[in-house]
Amino acid sequence: MIRLSAVRFIKIFAHLKKKVEKMEAYKFKTTVLKNGVIKLPEISQYANRQVEVFVVIKQVAKTGQKRSMEQFLKKWTGFLEGAVPDDLKLQYLTEKYK
């Protein structure tokens, strides 16, 4: 593994697309460490060459409080009680396509 700080990584690999006619692309999934280091698989064949780097920050999925099955059933039991699904569909589609 090669260890580089995120800033150094971006500076080192800045302009490969401009210098190389045939563009090779590699995609790595990794994590930026607390100290700003990005670990990459060994790509030493490209040492001392400039490359262009795109960093895509993945959004962290917000997870709410986990519910037990009992809490879920307590909240939603009887939600559609007395409702006729076909009538609800007809009402929805009638309003949608007025």
PDB file of N, CA and C in Angstrom:
ATOM      1  N   MET A   1       0.826  -1.182   0.000  1.00  0.00           N
ATOM      2  CA  MET A   1       0.000   0.000   0.000  1.00  0.00           C
ATOM      3  C   MET A   1       0.877   1.255   0.000  1.00  0.00           C
ATOM      4  N   ILE A   2       0.448   2.253  -0.719  1.00  0.00           N
ATOM      5  CA  ILE A   2       1.108   3.547  -0.725  1.00  0.00           C
ATOM      6  C   ILE A   2       0.341   4.436   0.245  1.00  0.00           C
ATOM      7  N   ARG A   3       1.037   5.193   1.066  1.00  0.00           N
ATOM      8  CA  ARG A   3       0.373   6.100   1.995  1.00  0.00           C
ATOM      9  C   ARG A   3       0.716   7.527   1.616  1.00  0.00           C
ATOM     10  N   LEU A   4      -0.307   8.327   1.345  1.00  0.00           N
ATOM     11  CA  LEU A   4      -0.134   9.736   0.995  1.00  0.00           C
ATOM     12  C   LEU A   4      -1.157  10.555   1.756  1.00  0.00           C
ATOM     13  N   SER A   5      -0.796  11.775   2.093  1.00  0.00           N
ATOM     14  CA  SER A   5      -1.817  12.657   2.649  1.00  0.00           C
ATOM     15  C   SER A   5      -2.745  13.023   1.503  1.00  0.00           C
ATOM     16  N   ALA A   6      -3.973  13.381   1.814  1.00  0.00           N
ATOM     17  CA  ALA A   6      -4.957  13.698   0.773  1.00  0.00           C
ATOM     18  C   ALA A   6      -4.465  14.846  -0.098  1.00  0.00           C
ATOM     19  N   VAL A   7      -3.868  15.872   0.506  1.00  0.00           N
ATOM     20  CA  VAL A   7      -3.389  17.025  -0.261  1.00  0.00           C
ATOM     21  C   VAL A   7      -2.243  16.619  -1.169  1.00  0.00           C
ATOM     22  N   ARG A   8      -1.286  15.880  -0.642  1.00  0.00           N
ATOM     23  CA  ARG A   8      -0.135  15.438  -1.447  1.00  0.00           C
ATOM     24  C   ARG A   8      -0.604  14.523  -2.573  1.00  0.00           C
ATOM     25  N   PHE A   9      -1.554  13.659  -2.280  1.00  0.00           N
ATOM     26  CA  PHE A   9      -2.106  12.743  -3.277  1.00  0.00           C
ATOM     27  C   PHE A   9      -2.662  13.520  -4.457  1.00  0.00           C
ATOM     28  N   ILE A  10      -3.426  14.548  -4.175  1.00  0.00           N
ATOM     29  CA  ILE A  10      -4.041  15.340  -5.238  1.00  0.00           C
ATOM     30  C   ILE A  10      -2.980  16.101  -6.023  1.00  0.00           C
ATOM     31  N   LYS A  11      -1.967  16.635  -5.338  1.00  0.00           N
ATOM     32  CA  LYS A  11      -0.909  17.381  -6.018  1.00  0.00           C
ATOM     33  C   LYS A  11      -0.078  16.468  -6.922  1.00  0.00           C
ATOM     34  N   ILE A  12       0.233  15.280  -6.464  1.00  0.00           N
ATOM     35  CA  ILE A  12       1.087  14.366  -7.229  1.00  0.00           C
ATOM     36  C   ILE A  12       0.385  13.895  -8.493  1.00  0.00           C
ATOM     37  N   PHE A  13      -0.894  13.627  -8.401  1.00  0.00           N
ATOM     38  CA  PHE A  13      -1.633  13.039  -9.517  1.00  0.00           C
ATOM     39  C   PHE A  13      -2.545  14.063 -10.186  1.00  0.00           C
ATOM     40  N   ALA A  14      -2.050  15.221 -10.541  1.00  0.00           N
ATOM     41  CA  ALA A  14      -2.914  16.309 -10.972  1.00  0.00           C
ATOM     42  C   ALA A  14      -3.238  16.350 -12.461  1.00  0.00           C
ATOM     43  N   HIS A  15      -2.324  15.988 -13.372  1.00  0.00           N
ATOM     44  CA  HIS A  15      -2.538  16.281 -14.786  1.00  0.00           C
ATOM     45  C   HIS A  15      -2.281  15.111 -15.740  1.00  0.00           C
ATOM     46  N   LEU A  16      -2.575  13.918 -15.375  1.00  0.00           N
ATOM     47  CA  LEU A  16      -2.299  12.770 -16.248  1.00  0.00           C
ATOM     48  C   LEU A  16      -3.054  12.874 -17.564  1.00  0.00           C
ATOM     49  N   LYS A  17      -4.287  13.298 -17.539  1.00  0.00           N
ATOM     50  CA  LYS A  17      -5.111  13.337 -18.747  1.00  0.00           C
ATOM     51  C   LYS A  17      -4.479  14.212 -19.835  1.00  0.00           C
ATOM     52  N   LYS A  18      -3.812  15.266 -19.457  1.00  0.00           N
ATOM     53  CA  LYS A  18      -3.192  16.164 -20.426  1.00  0.00           C
ATOM     54  C   LYS A  18      -1.939  15.551 -21.047  1.00  0.00           C
ATOM     55  N   LYS A  19      -1.252  14.684 -20.347  1.00  0.00           N
ATOM     56  CA  LYS A  19       0.039  14.169 -20.784  1.00  0.00           C
ATOM     57  C   LYS A  19      -0.041  12.841 -21.534  1.00  0.00           C
ATOM     58  N   VAL A  20      -1.083  12.076 -21.321  1.00  0.00           N
ATOM     59  CA  VAL A  20      -1.162  10.724 -21.868  1.00  0.00           C
ATOM     60  C   VAL A  20      -2.287  10.659 -22.895  1.00  0.00           C
ATOM     61  N   GLU A  21      -1.980  10.175 -24.101  1.00  0.00           N
ATOM     62  CA  GLU A  21      -3.016  10.060 -25.133  1.00  0.00           C
ATOM     63  C   GLU A  21      -4.045   9.007 -24.761  1.00  0.00           C
ATOM     64  N   LYS A  22      -3.600   7.837 -24.381  1.00  0.00           N
ATOM     65  CA  LYS A  22      -4.518   6.781 -23.972  1.00  0.00           C
ATOM     66  C   LYS A  22      -4.743   6.919 -22.469  1.00  0.00           C
ATOM     67  N   MET A  23      -5.958   7.241 -22.106  1.00  0.00           N
ATOM     68  CA  MET A  23      -6.252   7.463 -20.700  1.00  0.00           C
ATOM     69  C   MET A  23      -6.692   6.169 -20.048  1.00  0.00           C
ATOM     70  N   GLU A  24      -5.977   5.781 -19.017  1.00  0.00           N
ATOM     71  CA  GLU A  24      -6.348   4.615 -18.230  1.00  0.00           C
ATOM     72  C   GLU A  24      -7.039   5.120 -16.971  1.00  0.00           C
ATOM     73  N   ALA A  25      -8.070   4.427 -16.555  1.00  0.00           N
ATOM     74  CA  ALA A  25      -8.804   4.850 -15.368  1.00  0.00           C
ATOM     75  C   ALA A  25      -8.838   3.711 -14.363  1.00  0.00           C
ATOM     76  N   TYR A  26      -8.691   4.061 -13.118  1.00  0.00           N
ATOM     77  CA  TYR A  26      -8.761   3.105 -12.034  1.00  0.00           C
ATOM     78  C   TYR A  26      -9.728   3.647 -10.999  1.00  0.00           C
ATOM     79  N   LYS A  27     -10.506   2.769 -10.440  1.00  0.00           N
ATOM     80  CA  LYS A  27     -11.460   3.181  -9.419  1.00  0.00           C
ATOM     81  C   LYS A  27     -11.144   2.396  -8.153  1.00  0.00           C
ATOM     82  N   PHE A  28     -10.985   3.125  -7.076  1.00  0.00           N
ATOM     83  CA  PHE A  28     -10.692   2.510  -5.791  1.00  0.00           C
ATOM     84  C   PHE A  28     -11.708   3.000  -4.781  1.00  0.00           C
ATOM     85  N   LYS A  29     -12.164   2.129  -3.941  1.00  0.00           N
ATOM     86  CA  LYS A  29     -12.997   2.531  -2.813  1.00  0.00           C
ATOM     87  C   LYS A  29     -12.099   2.482  -1.590  1.00  0.00           C
ATOM     88  N   THR A  30     -11.994   3.598  -0.915  1.00  0.00           N
ATOM     89  CA  THR A  30     -11.128   3.679   0.250  1.00  0.00           C
ATOM     90  C   THR A  30     -11.693   4.703   1.211  1.00  0.00           C
ATOM     91  N   THR A  31     -11.047   4.875   2.321  1.00  0.00           N
ATOM     92  CA  THR A  31     -11.488   5.814   3.335  1.00  0.00           C
ATOM     93  C   THR A  31     -10.350   6.774   3.648  1.00  0.00           C
ATOM     94  N   VAL A  32     -10.677   8.037   3.778  1.00  0.00           N
ATOM     95  CA  VAL A  32      -9.678   9.009   4.208  1.00  0.00           C
ATOM     96  C   VAL A  32      -9.534   8.835   5.717  1.00  0.00           C
ATOM     97  N   LEU A  33      -8.318   8.579   6.153  1.00  0.00           N
ATOM     98  CA  LEU A  33      -8.073   8.369   7.571  1.00  0.00           C
ATOM     99  C   LEU A  33      -8.148   9.690   8.332  1.00  0.00           C
ATOM    100  N   LYS A  34      -8.199   9.616   9.649  1.00  0.00           N
ATOM    101  CA  LYS A  34      -8.325  10.815  10.483  1.00  0.00           C
ATOM    102  C   LYS A  34      -7.195  11.805  10.240  1.00  0.00           C
ATOM    103  N   ASN A  35      -6.011  11.302   9.908  1.00  0.00           N
ATOM    104  CA  ASN A  35      -4.866  12.182   9.669  1.00  0.00           C
ATOM    105  C   ASN A  35      -4.793  12.657   8.213  1.00  0.00           C
ATOM    106  N   GLY A  36      -5.834  12.379   7.412  1.00  0.00           N
ATOM    107  CA  GLY A  36      -5.887  12.856   6.035  1.00  0.00           C
ATOM    108  C   GLY A  36      -5.215  11.948   5.033  1.00  0.00           C
ATOM    109  N   VAL A  37      -4.805  10.774   5.439  1.00  0.00           N
ATOM    110  CA  VAL A  37      -4.118   9.848   4.547  1.00  0.00           C
ATOM    111  C   VAL A  37      -5.133   9.032   3.758  1.00  0.00           C
ATOM    112  N   ILE A  38      -4.855   8.864   2.457  1.00  0.00           N
ATOM    113  CA  ILE A  38      -5.665   8.004   1.594  1.00  0.00           C
ATOM    114  C   ILE A  38      -4.793   6.814   1.216  1.00  0.00           C
ATOM    115  N   LYS A  39      -5.269   5.617   1.479  1.00  0.00           N
ATOM    116  CA  LYS A  39      -4.521   4.413   1.123  1.00  0.00           C
ATOM    117  C   LYS A  39      -5.003   3.919  -0.230  1.00  0.00           C
ATOM    118  N   LEU A  40      -4.046   3.580  -1.111  1.00  0.00           N
ATOM    119  CA  LEU A  40      -4.348   3.041  -2.429  1.00  0.00           C
ATOM    120  C   LEU A  40      -3.662   1.701  -2.600  1.00  0.00           C
ATOM    121  N   PRO A  41      -4.235   0.822  -3.419  1.00  0.00           N
ATOM    122  CA  PRO A  41      -3.515  -0.394  -3.764  1.00  0.00           C
ATOM    123  C   PRO A  41      -2.233  -0.026  -4.504  1.00  0.00           C
ATOM    124  N   GLU A  42      -1.297  -0.901  -4.529  1.00  0.00           N
ATOM    125  CA  GLU A  42      -0.002  -0.631  -5.157  1.00  0.00           C
ATOM    126  C   GLU A  42      -0.173  -0.330  -6.648  1.00  0.00           C
ATOM    127  N   ILE A  43       0.241   0.856  -7.059  1.00  0.00           N
ATOM    128  CA  ILE A  43       0.233   1.242  -8.472  1.00  0.00           C
ATOM    129  C   ILE A  43       1.587   1.853  -8.817  1.00  0.00           C
ATOM    130  N   SER A  44       2.639   1.163  -8.408  1.00  0.00           N
ATOM    131  CA  SER A  44       3.989   1.715  -8.561  1.00  0.00           C
ATOM    132  C   SER A  44       4.413   1.873 -10.015  1.00  0.00           C
ATOM    133  N   GLN A  45       3.760   1.210 -10.957  1.00  0.00           N
ATOM    134  CA  GLN A  45       4.128   1.370 -12.359  1.00  0.00           C
ATOM    135  C   GLN A  45       3.881   2.792 -12.842  1.00  0.00           C
ATOM    136  N   TYR A  46       3.138   3.584 -12.073  1.00  0.00           N
ATOM    137  CA  TYR A  46       2.862   4.974 -12.441  1.00  0.00           C
ATOM    138  C   TYR A  46       3.637   5.959 -11.578  1.00  0.00           C
ATOM    139  N   ALA A  47       4.681   5.499 -10.923  1.00  0.00           N
ATOM    140  CA  ALA A  47       5.488   6.390 -10.086  1.00  0.00           C
ATOM    141  C   ALA A  47       6.080   7.501 -10.938  1.00  0.00           C
ATOM    142  N   ASN A  48       6.143   8.685 -10.379  1.00  0.00           N
ATOM    143  CA  ASN A  48       6.713   9.872 -11.037  1.00  0.00           C
ATOM    144  C   ASN A  48       5.927  10.305 -12.267  1.00  0.00           C
ATOM    145  N   ARG A  49       4.660   9.949 -12.362  1.00  0.00           N
ATOM    146  CA  ARG A  49       3.800  10.414 -13.452  1.00  0.00           C
ATOM    147  C   ARG A  49       2.668  11.211 -12.841  1.00  0.00           C
ATOM    148  N   GLN A  50       2.222  12.192 -13.573  1.00  0.00           N
ATOM    149  CA  GLN A  50       1.116  12.996 -13.088  1.00  0.00           C
ATOM    150  C   GLN A  50      -0.201  12.363 -13.506  1.00  0.00           C
ATOM    151  N   VAL A  51      -1.185  12.438 -12.614  1.00  0.00           N
ATOM    152  CA  VAL A  51      -2.521  11.917 -12.894  1.00  0.00           C
ATOM    153  C   VAL A  51      -3.547  12.919 -12.404  1.00  0.00           C
ATOM    154  N   GLU A  52      -4.765  12.745 -12.856  1.00  0.00           N
ATOM    155  CA  GLU A  52      -5.875  13.577 -12.400  1.00  0.00           C
ATOM    156  C   GLU A  52      -6.711  12.745 -11.437  1.00  0.00           C
ATOM    157  N   VAL A  53      -7.107  13.349 -10.342  1.00  0.00           N
ATOM    158  CA  VAL A  53      -7.824  12.615  -9.298  1.00  0.00           C
ATOM    159  C   VAL A  53      -9.163  13.279  -9.042  1.00  0.00           C
ATOM    160  N   PHE A  54     -10.190  12.470  -8.958  1.00  0.00           N
ATOM    161  CA  PHE A  54     -11.513  12.926  -8.561  1.00  0.00           C
ATOM    162  C   PHE A  54     -11.823  12.277  -7.231  1.00  0.00           C
ATOM    163  N   VAL A  55     -12.185  13.070  -6.264  1.00  0.00           N
ATOM    164  CA  VAL A  55     -12.571  12.545  -4.962  1.00  0.00           C
ATOM    165  C   VAL A  55     -14.064  12.760  -4.817  1.00  0.00           C
ATOM    166  N   VAL A  56     -14.795  11.682  -4.649  1.00  0.00           N
ATOM    167  CA  VAL A  56     -16.243  11.741  -4.478  1.00  0.00           C
ATOM    168  C   VAL A  56     -16.543  11.381  -3.032  1.00  0.00           C
ATOM    169  N   ILE A  57     -17.145  12.309  -2.330  1.00  0.00           N
ATOM    170  CA  ILE A  57     -17.481  12.083  -0.934  1.00  0.00           C
ATOM    171  C   ILE A  57     -18.838  11.394  -0.876  1.00  0.00           C
ATOM    172  N   LYS A  58     -18.876  10.225  -0.303  1.00  0.00           N
ATOM    173  CA  LYS A  58     -20.123   9.475  -0.173  1.00  0.00           C
ATOM    174  C   LYS A  58     -20.934  10.053   0.982  1.00  0.00           C
ATOM    175  N   GLN A  59     -22.224  10.182   0.776  1.00  0.00           N
ATOM    176  CA  GLN A  59     -23.111  10.673   1.817  1.00  0.00           C
ATOM    177  C   GLN A  59     -23.351   9.556   2.828  1.00  0.00           C
ATOM    178  N   VAL A  60     -23.311   9.917   4.077  1.00  0.00           N
ATOM    179  CA  VAL A  60     -23.567   8.948   5.131  1.00  0.00           C
ATOM    180  C   VAL A  60     -25.069   8.841   5.310  1.00  0.00           C
ATOM    181  N   ALA A  61     -25.545   7.633   5.221  1.00  0.00           N
ATOM    182  CA  ALA A  61     -26.987   7.411   5.387  1.00  0.00           C
ATOM    183  C   ALA A  61     -27.355   7.649   6.844  1.00  0.00           C
ATOM    184  N   LYS A  62     -28.338   8.492   7.041  1.00  0.00           N
ATOM    185  CA  LYS A  62     -28.791   8.763   8.403  1.00  0.00           C
ATOM    186  C   LYS A  62     -29.755   7.668   8.813  1.00  0.00           C
ATOM    187  N   THR A  63     -29.395   6.990   9.846  1.00  0.00           N
ATOM    188  CA  THR A  63     -30.270   5.932  10.335  1.00  0.00           C
ATOM    189  C   THR A  63     -30.958   6.418  11.599  1.00  0.00           C
ATOM    190  N   GLY A  64     -32.229   6.259  11.609  1.00  0.00           N
ATOM    191  CA  GLY A  64     -32.997   6.680  12.777  1.00  0.00           C
ATOM    192  C   GLY A  64     -32.901   5.647  13.878  1.00  0.00           C
ATOM    193  N   GLN A  65     -33.649   5.897  14.882  1.00  0.00           N
ATOM    194  CA  GLN A  65     -33.681   4.968  15.997  1.00  0.00           C
ATOM    195  C   GLN A  65     -34.298   3.662  15.513  1.00  0.00           C
ATOM    196  N   LYS A  66     -33.648   2.557  15.818  1.00  0.00           N
ATOM    197  CA  LYS A  66     -34.185   1.265  15.400  1.00  0.00           C
ATOM    198  C   LYS A  66     -35.403   0.925  16.251  1.00  0.00           C
ATOM    199  N   ARG A  67     -36.399   0.411  15.564  1.00  0.00           N
ATOM    200  CA  ARG A  67     -37.628   0.044  16.249  1.00  0.00           C
ATOM    201  C   ARG A  67     -37.731  -1.465  16.353  1.00  0.00           C
ATOM    202  N   SER A  68     -38.376  -1.878  17.378  1.00  0.00           N
ATOM    203  CA  SER A  68     -38.652  -3.301  17.511  1.00  0.00           C
ATOM    204  C   SER A  68     -39.908  -3.614  16.687  1.00  0.00           C
ATOM    205  N   MET A  69     -40.127  -4.845  16.441  1.00  0.00           N
ATOM    206  CA  MET A  69     -41.301  -5.269  15.692  1.00  0.00           C
ATOM    207  C   MET A  69     -42.572  -4.861  16.430  1.00  0.00           C
ATOM    208  N   GLU A  70     -42.542  -4.940  17.750  1.00  0.00           N
ATOM    209  CA  GLU A  70     -43.716  -4.567  18.531  1.00  0.00           C
ATOM    210  C   GLU A  70     -44.044  -3.080  18.349  1.00  0.00           C
ATOM    211  N   GLN A  71     -43.010  -2.215  18.349  1.00  0.00           N
ATOM    212  CA  GLN A  71     -43.233  -0.787  18.156  1.00  0.00           C
ATOM    213  C   GLN A  71     -43.807  -0.512  16.776  1.00  0.00           C
ATOM    214  N   PHE A  72     -43.290  -1.202  15.767  1.00  0.00           N
ATOM    215  CA  PHE A  72     -43.780  -1.030  14.401  1.00  0.00           C
ATOM    216  C   PHE A  72     -45.250  -1.429  14.303  1.00  0.00           C
ATOM    217  N   LEU A  73     -45.573  -2.596  14.836  1.00  0.00           N
ATOM    218  CA  LEU A  73     -46.953  -3.075  14.770  1.00  0.00           C
ATOM    219  C   LEU A  73     -47.896  -2.172  15.548  1.00  0.00           C
ATOM    220  N   LYS A  74     -47.454  -1.673  16.705  1.00  0.00           N
ATOM    221  CA  LYS A  74     -48.291  -0.775  17.501  1.00  0.00           C
ATOM    222  C   LYS A  74     -48.608   0.495  16.716  1.00  0.00           C
ATOM    223  N   LYS A  75     -47.631   1.006  15.986  1.00  0.00           N
ATOM    224  CA  LYS A  75     -47.830   2.245  15.235  1.00  0.00           C
ATOM    225  C   LYS A  75     -48.737   2.033  14.026  1.00  0.00           C
ATOM    226  N   TRP A  76     -48.565   0.937  13.280  1.00  0.00           N
ATOM    227  CA  TRP A  76     -49.226   0.786  11.992  1.00  0.00           C
ATOM    228  C   TRP A  76     -50.412  -0.169  11.972  1.00  0.00           C
ATOM    229  N   THR A  77     -50.653  -0.920  13.019  1.00  0.00           N
ATOM    230  CA  THR A  77     -51.797  -1.835  13.036  1.00  0.00           C
ATOM    231  C   THR A  77     -53.095  -1.034  12.927  1.00  0.00           C
ATOM    232  N   GLY A  78     -53.940  -1.438  12.001  1.00  0.00           N
ATOM    233  CA  GLY A  78     -55.221  -0.779  11.813  1.00  0.00           C
ATOM    234  C   GLY A  78     -55.153   0.482  10.977  1.00  0.00           C
ATOM    235  N   PHE A  79     -54.017   0.767  10.375  1.00  0.00           N
ATOM    236  CA  PHE A  79     -53.847   1.976   9.581  1.00  0.00           C
ATOM    237  C   PHE A  79     -54.850   2.049   8.440  1.00  0.00           C
ATOM    238  N   LEU A  80     -55.093   0.941   7.772  1.00  0.00           N
ATOM    239  CA  LEU A  80     -56.036   0.922   6.654  1.00  0.00           C
ATOM    240  C   LEU A  80     -57.344   0.213   7.027  1.00  0.00           C
ATOM    241  N   GLU A  81     -57.612   0.154   8.298  1.00  0.00           N
ATOM    242  CA  GLU A  81     -58.820  -0.546   8.746  1.00  0.00           C
ATOM    243  C   GLU A  81     -60.067   0.102   8.156  1.00  0.00           C
ATOM    244  N   GLY A  82     -60.901  -0.699   7.537  1.00  0.00           N
ATOM    245  CA  GLY A  82     -62.140  -0.213   6.967  1.00  0.00           C
ATOM    246  C   GLY A  82     -61.988   0.382   5.581  1.00  0.00           C
ATOM    247  N   ALA A  83     -60.776   0.470   5.097  1.00  0.00           N
ATOM    248  CA  ALA A  83     -60.547   1.052   3.769  1.00  0.00           C
ATOM    249  C   ALA A  83     -60.584  -0.053   2.725  1.00  0.00           C
ATOM    250  N   VAL A  84     -61.141   0.269   1.573  1.00  0.00           N
ATOM    251  CA  VAL A  84     -61.174  -0.667   0.454  1.00  0.00           C
ATOM    252  C   VAL A  84     -60.088  -0.213  -0.528  1.00  0.00           C
ATOM    253  N   PRO A  85     -59.040  -1.030  -0.708  1.00  0.00           N
ATOM    254  CA  PRO A  85     -57.914  -0.604  -1.542  1.00  0.00           C
ATOM    255  C   PRO A  85     -58.323  -0.183  -2.953  1.00  0.00           C
ATOM    256  N   ASP A  86     -59.273  -0.888  -3.569  1.00  0.00           N
ATOM    257  CA  ASP A  86     -59.688  -0.526  -4.931  1.00  0.00           C
ATOM    258  C   ASP A  86     -60.347   0.851  -4.968  1.00  0.00           C
ATOM    259  N   ASP A  87     -61.139   1.170  -3.943  1.00  0.00           N
ATOM    260  CA  ASP A  87     -61.757   2.492  -3.878  1.00  0.00           C
ATOM    261  C   ASP A  87     -60.703   3.580  -3.699  1.00  0.00           C
ATOM    262  N   LEU A  88     -59.684   3.298  -2.882  1.00  0.00           N
ATOM    263  CA  LEU A  88     -58.608   4.270  -2.660  1.00  0.00           C
ATOM    264  C   LEU A  88     -57.810   4.502  -3.950  1.00  0.00           C
ATOM    265  N   LYS A  89     -57.562   3.430  -4.688  1.00  0.00           N
ATOM    266  CA  LYS A  89     -56.844   3.564  -5.962  1.00  0.00           C
ATOM    267  C   LYS A  89     -57.639   4.413  -6.951  1.00  0.00           C
ATOM    268  N   LEU A  90     -58.953   4.129  -7.034  1.00  0.00           N
ATOM    269  CA  LEU A  90     -59.826   4.880  -7.936  1.00  0.00           C
ATOM    270  C   LEU A  90     -59.843   6.363  -7.554  1.00  0.00           C
ATOM    271  N   GLN A  91     -59.958   6.646  -6.286  1.00  0.00           N
ATOM    272  CA  GLN A  91     -59.973   8.029  -5.819  1.00  0.00           C
ATOM    273  C   GLN A  91     -58.651   8.726  -6.148  1.00  0.00           C
ATOM    274  N   TYR A  92     -57.548   8.060  -5.892  1.00  0.00           N
ATOM    275  CA  TYR A  92     -56.234   8.634  -6.186  1.00  0.00           C
ATOM    276  C   TYR A  92     -56.068   8.937  -7.663  1.00  0.00           C
ATOM    277  N   LEU A  93     -56.391   7.947  -8.515  1.00  0.00           N
ATOM    278  CA  LEU A  93     -56.212   8.128  -9.956  1.00  0.00           C
ATOM    279  C   LEU A  93     -57.158   9.177 -10.514  1.00  0.00           C
ATOM    280  N   THR A  94     -58.385   9.257  -9.986  1.00  0.00           N
ATOM    281  CA  THR A  94     -59.341  10.276 -10.428  1.00  0.00           C
ATOM    282  C   THR A  94     -58.810  11.671 -10.121  1.00  0.00           C
ATOM    283  N   GLU A  95     -58.265  11.867  -8.926  1.00  0.00           N
ATOM    284  CA  GLU A  95     -57.726  13.182  -8.563  1.00  0.00           C
ATOM    285  C   GLU A  95     -56.457  13.508  -9.346  1.00  0.00           C
ATOM    286  N   LYS A  96     -55.663  12.487  -9.607  1.00  0.00           N
ATOM    287  CA  LYS A  96     -54.398  12.705 -10.304  1.00  0.00           C
ATOM    288  C   LYS A  96     -54.624  13.135 -11.751  1.00  0.00           C
ATOM    289  N   TYR A  97     -55.595  12.551 -12.421  1.00  0.00           N
ATOM    290  CA  TYR A  97     -55.799  12.809 -13.840  1.00  0.00           C
ATOM    291  C   TYR A  97     -57.009  13.692 -14.130  1.00  0.00           C
ATOM    292  N   LYS A  98     -57.335  14.617 -13.221  1.00  0.00           N
ATOM    293  CA  LYS A  98     -58.437  15.556 -13.468  1.00  0.00           C
ATOM    294  C   LYS A  98     -58.077  16.499 -14.578  1.00  0.00           C
TER     295      LYS A  98
END
